């Protein structure tokens, strides 16, 4: 189980590790976005240097309406000490590193803003 932190506007942040093709590990905070249906989204400029395998371009419907096109990669991340090879959506203007609701298939989310409790744990 990992402890998260609340942002200024009650955003849900969790520490994850992005693992580059050469094994370099970068610890970063990612915001859980339940409106994002994928595993991980990152800005195109931030994906440079990871040497993740490019798969294809993919259109996705955005919450603001309309479609946007993303580059899809296979990337490696570590969450709660466990490594995963997952699809990563890279696009222009992604403001934060985002983890999406796919993580909720194998993780349990506990959010209690009033008590300050935010955890993402194994089911």
C-alpha atoms as a PDB file:
ATOM      1  CA  UNK A   1       0.000   0.000   0.000  1.00  0.00           C
ATOM      2  CA  UNK A   2       1.271   3.468  -0.808  1.00  0.00           C
ATOM      3  CA  UNK A   3       0.331   6.654   0.950  1.00  0.00           C
ATOM      4  CA  UNK A   4      -0.754   9.532  -1.218  1.00  0.00           C
ATOM      5  CA  UNK A   5      -0.917  13.262  -0.694  1.00  0.00           C
ATOM      6  CA  UNK A   6      -3.679  15.738  -1.367  1.00  0.00           C
ATOM      7  CA  UNK A   7      -2.976  18.742  -3.571  1.00  0.00           C
ATOM      8  CA  UNK A   8      -4.154  22.295  -2.935  1.00  0.00           C
ATOM      9  CA  UNK A   9      -7.471  21.569  -4.646  1.00  0.00           C
ATOM     10  CA  UNK A  10      -7.784  18.053  -3.177  1.00  0.00           C
ATOM     11  CA  UNK A  11      -6.040  16.403  -6.141  1.00  0.00           C
ATOM     12  CA  UNK A  12      -4.840  12.857  -5.446  1.00  0.00           C
ATOM     13  CA  UNK A  13      -1.055  12.435  -5.781  1.00  0.00           C
ATOM     14  CA  UNK A  14       0.962   9.224  -5.483  1.00  0.00           C
ATOM     15  CA  UNK A  15       4.697   8.637  -5.761  1.00  0.00           C
ATOM     16  CA  UNK A  16       5.671   6.322  -8.599  1.00  0.00           C
ATOM     17  CA  UNK A  17       8.913   5.417 -10.359  1.00  0.00           C
ATOM     18  CA  UNK A  18       9.339   5.689 -14.109  1.00  0.00           C
ATOM     19  CA  UNK A  19      11.961   3.232 -15.382  1.00  0.00           C
ATOM     20  CA  UNK A  20      13.856   4.105 -18.554  1.00  0.00           C
ATOM     21  CA  UNK A  21      15.012   1.555 -21.122  1.00  0.00           C
ATOM     22  CA  UNK A  22      18.562   1.760 -19.728  1.00  0.00           C
ATOM     23  CA  UNK A  23      17.332   1.055 -16.171  1.00  0.00           C
ATOM     24  CA  UNK A  24      17.470   4.652 -14.915  1.00  0.00           C
ATOM     25  CA  UNK A  25      14.731   5.143 -12.310  1.00  0.00           C
ATOM     26  CA  UNK A  26      13.017   8.492 -11.844  1.00  0.00           C
ATOM     27  CA  UNK A  27      10.856   9.018  -8.772  1.00  0.00           C
ATOM     28  CA  UNK A  28       7.962  11.385  -9.435  1.00  0.00           C
ATOM     29  CA  UNK A  29       4.514  12.278  -8.231  1.00  0.00           C
ATOM     30  CA  UNK A  30       1.600  11.307 -10.434  1.00  0.00           C
ATOM     31  CA  UNK A  31      -1.935  12.584 -10.129  1.00  0.00           C
ATOM     32  CA  UNK A  32      -4.728  10.018 -10.127  1.00  0.00           C
ATOM     33  CA  UNK A  33      -7.256  11.103 -12.752  1.00  0.00           C
ATOM     34  CA  UNK A  34     -10.370   8.925 -12.651  1.00  0.00           C
ATOM     35  CA  UNK A  35     -11.530  10.600 -15.868  1.00  0.00           C
ATOM     36  CA  UNK A  36      -8.536   9.091 -17.702  1.00  0.00           C
ATOM     37  CA  UNK A  37      -9.341   5.548 -18.803  1.00  0.00           C
ATOM     38  CA  UNK A  38      -5.721   4.430 -19.314  1.00  0.00           C
ATOM     39  CA  UNK A  39      -2.780   3.514 -17.110  1.00  0.00           C
ATOM     40  CA  UNK A  40      -0.371   6.453 -17.488  1.00  0.00           C
ATOM     41  CA  UNK A  41      -0.323   9.729 -19.423  1.00  0.00           C
ATOM     42  CA  UNK A  42       2.674  12.008 -19.802  1.00  0.00           C
ATOM     43  CA  UNK A  43       3.558  15.054 -21.867  1.00  0.00           C
ATOM     44  CA  UNK A  44       5.485  14.397 -25.086  1.00  0.00           C
ATOM     45  CA  UNK A  45       8.416  16.526 -23.912  1.00  0.00           C
ATOM     46  CA  UNK A  46       8.734  14.482 -20.695  1.00  0.00           C
ATOM     47  CA  UNK A  47       8.911  11.118 -22.449  1.00  0.00           C
ATOM     48  CA  UNK A  48      12.153  11.959 -24.263  1.00  0.00           C
ATOM     49  CA  UNK A  49      15.025   9.841 -22.995  1.00  0.00           C
ATOM     50  CA  UNK A  50      12.994   6.946 -21.611  1.00  0.00           C
ATOM     51  CA  UNK A  51      13.593   4.820 -24.724  1.00  0.00           C
ATOM     52  CA  UNK A  52      10.212   3.177 -24.306  1.00  0.00           C
ATOM     53  CA  UNK A  53       8.889   1.175 -27.267  1.00  0.00           C
ATOM     54  CA  UNK A  54       6.617   3.175 -29.559  1.00  0.00           C
ATOM     55  CA  UNK A  55       3.454   1.267 -30.535  1.00  0.00           C
ATOM     56  CA  UNK A  56       1.156   3.594 -32.514  1.00  0.00           C
ATOM     57  CA  UNK A  57      -0.868   6.802 -32.489  1.00  0.00           C
ATOM     58  CA  UNK A  58      -4.242   6.615 -30.802  1.00  0.00           C
ATOM     59  CA  UNK A  59      -7.206   8.984 -30.614  1.00  0.00           C
ATOM     60  CA  UNK A  60      -8.892   9.484 -27.239  1.00  0.00           C
ATOM     61  CA  UNK A  61     -12.012  11.402 -26.266  1.00  0.00           C
ATOM     62  CA  UNK A  62     -11.203  14.216 -23.862  1.00  0.00           C
ATOM     63  CA  UNK A  63     -13.260  15.332 -20.870  1.00  0.00           C
ATOM     64  CA  UNK A  64     -13.509  18.855 -22.320  1.00  0.00           C
ATOM     65  CA  UNK A  65     -15.033  17.355 -25.455  1.00  0.00           C
ATOM     66  CA  UNK A  66     -13.500  16.424 -28.751  1.00  0.00           C
ATOM     67  CA  UNK A  67     -10.749  13.972 -29.531  1.00  0.00           C
ATOM     68  CA  UNK A  68      -7.018  14.290 -29.075  1.00  0.00           C
ATOM     69  CA  UNK A  69      -4.279  12.119 -30.566  1.00  0.00           C
ATOM     70  CA  UNK A  70      -1.639  10.514 -28.367  1.00  0.00           C
ATOM     71  CA  UNK A  71       1.517   8.533 -29.064  1.00  0.00           C
ATOM     72  CA  UNK A  72       1.212   5.148 -27.392  1.00  0.00           C
ATOM     73  CA  UNK A  73       4.326   3.537 -25.873  1.00  0.00           C
ATOM     74  CA  UNK A  74       5.022   0.527 -23.689  1.00  0.00           C
ATOM     75  CA  UNK A  75       6.682   1.857 -20.568  1.00  0.00           C
ATOM     76  CA  UNK A  76       7.885   0.463 -17.276  1.00  0.00           C
ATOM     77  CA  UNK A  77       6.765   1.847 -13.925  1.00  0.00           C
ATOM     78  CA  UNK A  78       7.127   0.774 -10.317  1.00  0.00           C
ATOM     79  CA  UNK A  79       4.259   1.305  -7.930  1.00  0.00           C
ATOM     80  CA  UNK A  80       4.348   0.069  -4.353  1.00  0.00           C
ATOM     81  CA  UNK A  81       7.541  -1.895  -5.046  1.00  0.00           C
ATOM     82  CA  UNK A  82       6.062  -3.795  -7.995  1.00  0.00           C
ATOM     83  CA  UNK A  83       7.134  -3.271 -11.625  1.00  0.00           C
ATOM     84  CA  UNK A  84       4.627  -3.081 -14.455  1.00  0.00           C
ATOM     85  CA  UNK A  85       4.994  -2.889 -18.237  1.00  0.00           C
ATOM     86  CA  UNK A  86       2.030  -0.726 -19.226  1.00  0.00           C
ATOM     87  CA  UNK A  87       0.672   1.327 -22.118  1.00  0.00           C
ATOM     88  CA  UNK A  88       1.724   4.975 -21.786  1.00  0.00           C
ATOM     89  CA  UNK A  89      -0.142   7.756 -23.584  1.00  0.00           C
ATOM     90  CA  UNK A  90       2.091  10.700 -24.509  1.00  0.00           C
ATOM     91  CA  UNK A  91       0.564  13.904 -25.796  1.00  0.00           C
ATOM     92  CA  UNK A  92       1.058  17.640 -26.018  1.00  0.00           C
ATOM     93  CA  UNK A  93      -0.167  19.736 -23.116  1.00  0.00           C
ATOM     94  CA  UNK A  94      -0.531  16.989 -20.505  1.00  0.00           C
ATOM     95  CA  UNK A  95      -0.132  19.203 -17.399  1.00  0.00           C
ATOM     96  CA  UNK A  96       0.789  16.486 -14.877  1.00  0.00           C
ATOM     97  CA  UNK A  97       1.947  12.906 -15.026  1.00  0.00           C
ATOM     98  CA  UNK A  98      -1.365  11.107 -14.732  1.00  0.00           C
ATOM     99  CA  UNK A  99      -2.276   7.651 -13.568  1.00  0.00           C
ATOM    100  CA  UNK A 100      -5.717   6.565 -14.685  1.00  0.00           C
ATOM    101  CA  UNK A 101      -8.524   4.393 -13.482  1.00  0.00           C
ATOM    102  CA  UNK A 102      -7.022   1.193 -14.971  1.00  0.00           C
ATOM    103  CA  UNK A 103      -4.984   1.030 -11.728  1.00  0.00           C
ATOM    104  CA  UNK A 104      -8.250   0.575  -9.856  1.00  0.00           C
ATOM    105  CA  UNK A 105      -8.613  -2.871 -11.472  1.00  0.00           C
ATOM    106  CA  UNK A 106      -5.816  -4.234  -9.284  1.00  0.00           C
ATOM    107  CA  UNK A 107      -5.574  -1.620  -6.540  1.00  0.00           C
ATOM    108  CA  UNK A 108      -7.969  -0.363  -3.902  1.00  0.00           C
ATOM    109  CA  UNK A 109      -8.310   3.402  -3.525  1.00  0.00           C
ATOM    110  CA  UNK A 110      -9.143   4.837  -0.106  1.00  0.00           C
ATOM    111  CA  UNK A 111      -9.888   8.552   0.039  1.00  0.00           C
ATOM    112  CA  UNK A 112     -10.954  10.377   3.209  1.00  0.00           C
ATOM    113  CA  UNK A 113     -10.200  14.051   2.702  1.00  0.00           C
ATOM    114  CA  UNK A 114     -11.505  15.130   6.096  1.00  0.00           C
ATOM    115  CA  UNK A 115      -9.190  12.678   7.889  1.00  0.00           C
ATOM    116  CA  UNK A 116      -6.307  13.245   5.467  1.00  0.00           C
ATOM    117  CA  UNK A 117      -6.208   9.562   4.476  1.00  0.00           C
ATOM    118  CA  UNK A 118      -5.225   8.686   0.895  1.00  0.00           C
ATOM    119  CA  UNK A 119      -3.942   5.211   0.050  1.00  0.00           C
ATOM    120  CA  UNK A 120      -3.628   3.028  -3.012  1.00  0.00           C
ATOM    121  CA  UNK A 121      -3.236  -0.594  -1.994  1.00  0.00           C
ATOM    122  CA  UNK A 122      -3.394  -4.102  -3.360  1.00  0.00           C
ATOM    123  CA  UNK A 123      -6.853  -5.685  -3.573  1.00  0.00           C
END
